Every structure is written in C-alpha cells, then in structure tokens.
C-alpha cells in the first residue's frame, strides 16, 4: 500500500482457513504473509521477523489464541492483533480488548472485511512510526535528547504543543 513490506502473520491450526486468508492478500505486492499452525510456531516467527499484524484463531490446541495475544501484547506492543473464531465466543470479546486485540471476527467472515481491517492497522502503525520519527528528528534538531515513546501522555502533549507554537 505504501511501497514497503507489510509483514502479516496468520495463525490457525486449520490449513483450509490459512489458505483462504492468504487469498485476501495474494494480489497485494506489499504484503508478506507468514503462516503458523500453532501459537508456538507463531512466537518463533515473531521472534525472527518484524511482524505488523497477527491474525489468530482463538481455538487452537495447546496454547490458544487468547494466550498467544497476551504473550504478544506483553513482548511487543507495536504488533496489531486480530482474533477470529468459528465458535460463539462473543463473551470473550471484553477479555480480548483488554489484552490489546484490535478486532474480533466470527467465522465465516468476508475476506474483503479482513483485508480492510488489516490495511487500517498497517496504516495506523506506519503513521505512528512516521510521527515518532518526525518528533525524534525535530527533537534532535532542537537539541533535545528525547525518547518520545518513553514520555507520559501529558509530557507528549506538552512537547507537541511547544513544537506547534514555534513559528
């Protein structure tokens, strides 16, 4: 979408679901899709690659998708999460939101819907990263040694207000 590689990880123990989801991204040259059939394999792929979005099934043997999302949220907050299930797990939706899942899809869902959600999450990540780079560069130019991510929300607002008011 932006001329950069957008890595996406699909986690589902059902090969048919994996292949179906891959269809959503097959004509998008910017998407690089990784596939895992278990949470353990997904964690290994995340460790070895810079993943933007994880699309995971909730119901999987051994480590389920909820636990996978918890682990990902704790280890790498910049990865966006989409959870999906073929079961009526709607009662788990609040838990998923609390652990950082951006979207919850019930199977079957439309591939176009999944693609739109994924594109939105990727765009949000790219925008956030570009904003942080811009702020770091401005801070360096203004002779501030600043780690923007480490600032509190109030400190970020104050810093941005100072930059915006400089003319």
Foldseek 3Di string as FASTA:
>chain_A
DPPAAAEEEEEALDVVVVVVLVVLCVPPPNYDYHYHDDLVVVVVVVVVDPHAEYEYEQDDPDQGPLNSLLVCCVPPVRHAYEYEYQDPPVVCVVVCVVSHHPYYYYPPDDSVVVSVVSVVSSVVSVVVVVVQVVLCVVCVVVVHPDNLVPDDPVVNVVSVVVVVPDD
